[in-house]
N, C-alpha and C. Protein backbone atom coordinates (compact mmCIF):
# COMPACT_ATOMS: atom_id res chain seq x y z
N MET A 1 -61.26 26.92 20.61
CA MET A 1 -59.85 26.64 20.56
C MET A 1 -59.40 26.13 21.91
N ILE A 2 -58.77 25.02 22.07
CA ILE A 2 -58.29 24.46 23.37
C ILE A 2 -56.73 24.56 23.37
N ALA A 3 -56.29 25.35 24.44
CA ALA A 3 -54.92 25.52 24.53
C ALA A 3 -54.54 25.00 25.99
N THR A 4 -53.28 24.65 26.15
CA THR A 4 -52.76 24.17 27.41
C THR A 4 -52.48 25.32 28.20
N GLU A 5 -52.68 25.32 29.57
CA GLU A 5 -52.43 26.45 30.35
C GLU A 5 -51.09 26.16 31.31
N TYR A 6 -50.26 27.12 31.35
CA TYR A 6 -49.09 27.14 32.09
C TYR A 6 -49.04 28.23 33.04
N GLU A 7 -48.38 28.02 34.18
CA GLU A 7 -48.02 29.09 35.19
C GLU A 7 -46.51 29.15 35.22
N LEU A 8 -45.95 30.13 34.65
CA LEU A 8 -44.41 30.33 34.45
C LEU A 8 -43.90 31.06 35.49
N PRO A 9 -42.93 30.57 36.41
CA PRO A 9 -42.33 31.37 37.41
C PRO A 9 -41.38 32.42 36.93
N PRO A 10 -41.03 33.34 37.76
CA PRO A 10 -40.06 34.33 37.33
C PRO A 10 -38.83 33.66 36.71
N HIS A 11 -38.63 34.24 35.51
CA HIS A 11 -37.44 33.62 34.67
C HIS A 11 -37.51 32.23 34.32
N GLY A 12 -38.71 31.63 34.43
CA GLY A 12 -38.94 30.21 34.13
C GLY A 12 -39.31 30.12 32.70
N TYR A 13 -39.39 28.81 32.27
CA TYR A 13 -39.66 28.30 30.88
C TYR A 13 -40.51 27.11 30.86
N VAL A 14 -41.09 26.88 29.83
CA VAL A 14 -41.74 25.52 29.53
C VAL A 14 -41.43 25.19 27.95
N PRO A 15 -40.98 23.91 27.80
CA PRO A 15 -40.67 23.51 26.28
C PRO A 15 -41.96 22.83 25.87
N LEU A 16 -42.39 22.96 24.54
CA LEU A 16 -43.55 22.31 23.99
C LEU A 16 -43.05 21.58 22.74
N PRO A 17 -43.31 20.23 22.69
CA PRO A 17 -42.93 19.61 21.43
C PRO A 17 -43.90 20.09 20.30
N VAL A 18 -43.26 20.21 19.03
CA VAL A 18 -44.11 20.61 17.78
C VAL A 18 -44.22 19.42 16.97
N SER A 19 -45.52 19.26 16.55
CA SER A 19 -45.77 18.04 15.55
C SER A 19 -44.93 18.34 14.29
N PRO A 20 -44.44 17.24 13.67
CA PRO A 20 -43.73 17.28 12.42
C PRO A 20 -44.69 17.57 11.33
N SER A 21 -44.57 18.79 10.82
CA SER A 21 -45.48 19.25 9.69
C SER A 21 -44.83 20.38 8.99
N PRO A 22 -44.97 20.54 7.78
CA PRO A 22 -44.36 21.72 7.10
C PRO A 22 -44.89 23.08 7.56
N MET A 23 -46.09 23.12 8.00
CA MET A 23 -46.78 24.30 8.49
C MET A 23 -47.42 24.04 9.89
N VAL A 24 -47.19 24.96 10.85
CA VAL A 24 -47.75 24.70 12.21
C VAL A 24 -48.38 26.05 12.62
N HIS A 25 -49.58 25.95 13.21
CA HIS A 25 -50.29 27.07 13.77
C HIS A 25 -49.80 27.30 15.18
N ILE A 26 -49.21 28.42 15.55
CA ILE A 26 -48.65 28.73 16.96
C ILE A 26 -49.55 29.69 17.58
N PHE A 27 -50.13 29.32 18.73
CA PHE A 27 -51.01 30.27 19.42
C PHE A 27 -50.34 30.45 20.82
N VAL A 28 -50.25 31.67 21.19
CA VAL A 28 -49.68 31.98 22.62
C VAL A 28 -50.56 33.25 23.09
N SER A 29 -51.07 33.09 24.36
CA SER A 29 -51.73 34.21 24.98
C SER A 29 -51.25 34.21 26.44
N ALA A 30 -50.64 35.27 26.91
CA ALA A 30 -50.09 35.45 28.21
C ALA A 30 -50.54 36.70 28.87
N LEU A 31 -50.65 36.61 30.30
CA LEU A 31 -51.05 37.83 31.01
C LEU A 31 -49.84 38.83 30.99
N ALA A 32 -48.64 38.49 30.90
CA ALA A 32 -47.47 39.38 30.81
C ALA A 32 -46.68 38.83 29.64
N PRO A 33 -45.91 39.82 29.01
CA PRO A 33 -45.11 39.48 27.96
C PRO A 33 -44.08 38.24 28.10
N VAL A 34 -44.04 37.30 27.20
CA VAL A 34 -43.22 36.13 27.23
C VAL A 34 -42.43 36.19 25.91
N ASN A 35 -41.19 35.44 25.97
CA ASN A 35 -40.42 35.15 24.74
C ASN A 35 -40.80 33.82 24.23
N VAL A 36 -40.92 33.75 22.98
CA VAL A 36 -41.21 32.43 22.30
C VAL A 36 -40.04 32.16 21.30
N TYR A 37 -39.50 30.95 21.49
CA TYR A 37 -38.43 30.49 20.57
C TYR A 37 -38.78 29.08 19.96
N LEU A 38 -38.28 28.98 18.84
CA LEU A 38 -38.46 27.63 18.07
C LEU A 38 -37.05 27.01 18.10
N VAL A 39 -36.79 25.90 18.65
CA VAL A 39 -35.39 25.29 18.75
C VAL A 39 -35.48 23.79 18.41
N ASP A 40 -34.45 23.26 17.98
CA ASP A 40 -34.28 21.87 17.75
C ASP A 40 -33.85 21.17 19.03
N ALA A 41 -33.89 19.82 19.06
CA ALA A 41 -33.52 19.05 20.21
C ALA A 41 -32.17 19.49 20.85
N GLU A 42 -31.17 19.60 20.05
CA GLU A 42 -29.87 19.91 20.48
C GLU A 42 -29.74 21.30 21.17
N ASN A 43 -30.52 22.27 20.44
CA ASN A 43 -30.48 23.67 21.14
C ASN A 43 -31.38 23.77 22.32
N LEU A 44 -32.44 22.89 22.44
CA LEU A 44 -33.23 22.82 23.57
C LEU A 44 -32.42 22.31 24.73
N ALA A 45 -31.64 21.39 24.66
CA ALA A 45 -30.73 20.83 25.71
C ALA A 45 -29.74 21.93 26.00
N ARG A 46 -29.18 22.67 25.17
CA ARG A 46 -28.29 23.77 25.46
C ARG A 46 -28.92 24.89 26.25
N TYR A 47 -30.25 25.14 25.89
CA TYR A 47 -31.10 26.18 26.57
C TYR A 47 -31.29 25.76 27.99
N GLN A 48 -31.69 24.43 28.17
CA GLN A 48 -31.99 23.92 29.48
C GLN A 48 -30.77 23.99 30.34
N GLN A 49 -29.59 23.85 29.82
CA GLN A 49 -28.40 23.87 30.62
C GLN A 49 -27.81 25.22 30.84
N GLY A 50 -28.45 26.23 30.35
CA GLY A 50 -28.02 27.63 30.44
C GLY A 50 -26.88 28.07 29.57
N HIS A 51 -26.67 27.24 28.56
CA HIS A 51 -25.60 27.61 27.54
C HIS A 51 -26.14 28.32 26.39
N PRO A 52 -25.38 29.12 25.66
CA PRO A 52 -25.81 29.88 24.40
C PRO A 52 -26.47 28.82 23.54
N PHE A 53 -27.60 29.19 22.90
CA PHE A 53 -28.24 28.36 21.96
C PHE A 53 -28.66 29.08 20.74
N GLN A 54 -29.05 28.35 19.66
CA GLN A 54 -29.43 28.95 18.42
C GLN A 54 -30.88 28.51 18.25
N GLY A 55 -31.66 29.40 17.76
CA GLY A 55 -33.18 29.11 17.55
C GLY A 55 -33.74 30.25 16.73
N HIS A 56 -34.93 30.03 16.48
CA HIS A 56 -35.78 31.06 15.75
C HIS A 56 -36.65 31.83 16.72
N VAL A 57 -36.58 33.15 16.73
CA VAL A 57 -37.39 33.85 17.61
C VAL A 57 -38.79 34.03 16.97
N ILE A 58 -39.83 33.46 17.63
CA ILE A 58 -41.16 33.55 17.07
C ILE A 58 -41.90 34.78 17.60
N GLY A 59 -41.62 35.13 18.82
CA GLY A 59 -42.13 36.31 19.33
C GLY A 59 -41.34 36.68 20.57
N SER A 60 -40.92 37.94 20.69
CA SER A 60 -40.14 38.33 21.76
C SER A 60 -40.33 39.89 21.98
N PRO A 61 -40.79 40.29 23.08
CA PRO A 61 -41.76 39.49 23.94
C PRO A 61 -43.20 39.74 23.31
N VAL A 62 -44.05 38.83 23.60
CA VAL A 62 -45.40 38.95 23.08
C VAL A 62 -46.43 38.59 24.34
N ARG A 63 -47.58 39.16 24.29
CA ARG A 63 -48.68 38.82 25.18
C ARG A 63 -49.68 37.92 24.29
N PHE A 64 -49.68 38.23 23.02
CA PHE A 64 -50.58 37.54 22.15
C PHE A 64 -49.95 37.19 20.78
N PHE A 65 -49.92 36.01 20.36
CA PHE A 65 -49.41 35.48 19.19
C PHE A 65 -50.28 34.42 18.44
N SER A 66 -50.68 34.55 17.34
CA SER A 66 -51.41 33.51 16.61
C SER A 66 -51.09 33.60 15.19
N LYS A 67 -50.32 32.65 14.66
CA LYS A 67 -49.82 32.72 13.25
C LYS A 67 -49.48 31.31 12.77
N LEU A 68 -49.71 31.21 11.46
CA LEU A 68 -49.19 29.96 10.80
C LEU A 68 -47.82 30.19 10.42
N VAL A 69 -46.95 29.23 10.85
CA VAL A 69 -45.56 29.29 10.65
C VAL A 69 -44.96 28.13 9.79
N GLN A 70 -44.19 28.56 8.85
CA GLN A 70 -43.52 27.58 7.96
C GLN A 70 -42.29 26.93 8.85
N MET A 71 -42.26 25.63 8.99
CA MET A 71 -41.34 25.07 9.85
C MET A 71 -39.99 24.87 9.11
N PRO A 72 -38.80 25.05 9.78
CA PRO A 72 -37.58 24.80 9.09
C PRO A 72 -37.36 23.26 8.78
N PRO A 73 -36.44 22.95 7.83
CA PRO A 73 -36.42 21.58 7.54
C PRO A 73 -35.83 20.79 8.73
N GLY A 74 -36.01 19.52 8.71
CA GLY A 74 -35.57 18.65 9.87
C GLY A 74 -36.83 18.35 10.78
N GLY A 75 -36.48 17.83 11.90
CA GLY A 75 -37.60 17.43 12.90
C GLY A 75 -37.08 17.69 14.32
N GLY A 76 -37.93 17.36 15.22
CA GLY A 76 -37.66 17.39 16.56
C GLY A 76 -37.69 18.83 17.14
N TRP A 77 -38.54 19.57 16.57
CA TRP A 77 -38.66 21.00 17.05
C TRP A 77 -39.40 21.18 18.28
N HIS A 78 -39.15 22.24 19.06
CA HIS A 78 -39.82 22.59 20.22
C HIS A 78 -40.07 24.06 20.32
N LEU A 79 -41.17 24.44 20.85
CA LEU A 79 -41.43 25.90 21.23
C LEU A 79 -40.82 25.96 22.70
N VAL A 80 -40.21 27.07 23.00
CA VAL A 80 -39.85 27.42 24.35
C VAL A 80 -40.58 28.69 24.71
N LEU A 81 -41.45 28.67 25.70
CA LEU A 81 -42.14 29.85 26.33
C LEU A 81 -41.31 30.30 27.41
N GLU A 82 -40.75 31.52 27.40
CA GLU A 82 -39.86 32.03 28.53
C GLU A 82 -40.36 33.22 29.10
N ASN A 83 -40.45 33.27 30.47
CA ASN A 83 -40.94 34.36 31.19
C ASN A 83 -39.70 35.20 31.52
N PRO A 84 -39.51 36.42 31.01
CA PRO A 84 -38.42 37.15 31.35
C PRO A 84 -38.47 38.09 32.44
N SER A 85 -39.71 38.12 33.02
CA SER A 85 -39.98 39.11 34.16
C SER A 85 -39.67 38.48 35.55
N GLU A 86 -39.75 39.35 36.50
CA GLU A 86 -39.51 39.08 37.94
C GLU A 86 -40.64 38.56 38.74
N THR A 87 -41.86 38.40 38.05
CA THR A 87 -43.04 37.91 38.58
C THR A 87 -43.60 36.73 37.72
N SER A 88 -44.31 35.82 38.33
CA SER A 88 -44.88 34.75 37.58
C SER A 88 -46.00 35.24 36.66
N THR A 89 -46.34 34.42 35.55
CA THR A 89 -47.34 34.85 34.65
C THR A 89 -47.98 33.57 34.15
N HIS A 90 -49.22 33.80 33.80
CA HIS A 90 -50.12 32.68 33.31
C HIS A 90 -50.11 32.74 31.70
N VAL A 91 -49.96 31.48 31.15
CA VAL A 91 -49.76 31.48 29.68
C VAL A 91 -50.69 30.31 29.17
N GLN A 92 -51.32 30.57 28.08
CA GLN A 92 -51.95 29.60 27.30
C GLN A 92 -51.18 29.43 26.03
N ALA A 93 -51.00 28.14 25.58
CA ALA A 93 -50.35 28.02 24.31
C ALA A 93 -50.61 26.65 23.67
N ARG A 94 -50.44 26.71 22.35
CA ARG A 94 -50.64 25.35 21.58
C ARG A 94 -49.86 25.58 20.20
N ALA A 95 -49.50 24.40 19.66
CA ALA A 95 -48.79 24.33 18.33
C ALA A 95 -49.46 23.11 17.68
N THR A 96 -50.29 23.41 16.61
CA THR A 96 -50.94 22.31 15.88
C THR A 96 -50.70 22.55 14.50
N PHE A 97 -50.88 21.41 13.66
CA PHE A 97 -50.79 21.61 12.23
C PHE A 97 -52.17 21.88 11.73
N PRO A 98 -52.30 22.70 10.65
CA PRO A 98 -53.56 23.00 10.11
C PRO A 98 -54.31 21.98 9.38
C-alpha cells in the first residue's frame, strides 16, 4: 500500500481531494493522534479561513484508521487531516476507490 507522507506542524492541517466514487477506502496512520474530517469544497474554504464549518468526522482523534466509507451525495469532497497537538507529527494517508 502506497500512501502519501505529511509532516503536520502543531495545530496544522492538510486537505486531500477525494476521488468521486460512491465508496472510498480511507487510510490514515500517524505518530500522534490526528482529527480526520470529510468536507465539501465550501466547508473546506470555511475551515481554511478559520470559520465554523460542517463536515463528517471520520476519526477524531486517531493514530490509525483504515475503512471503506460510503460517500455522501454530491462531489468535490476533501479529507482534512488536522493535528490538534502542540508538537508536529508525521502522517501517512490516502483515499482511493476500491
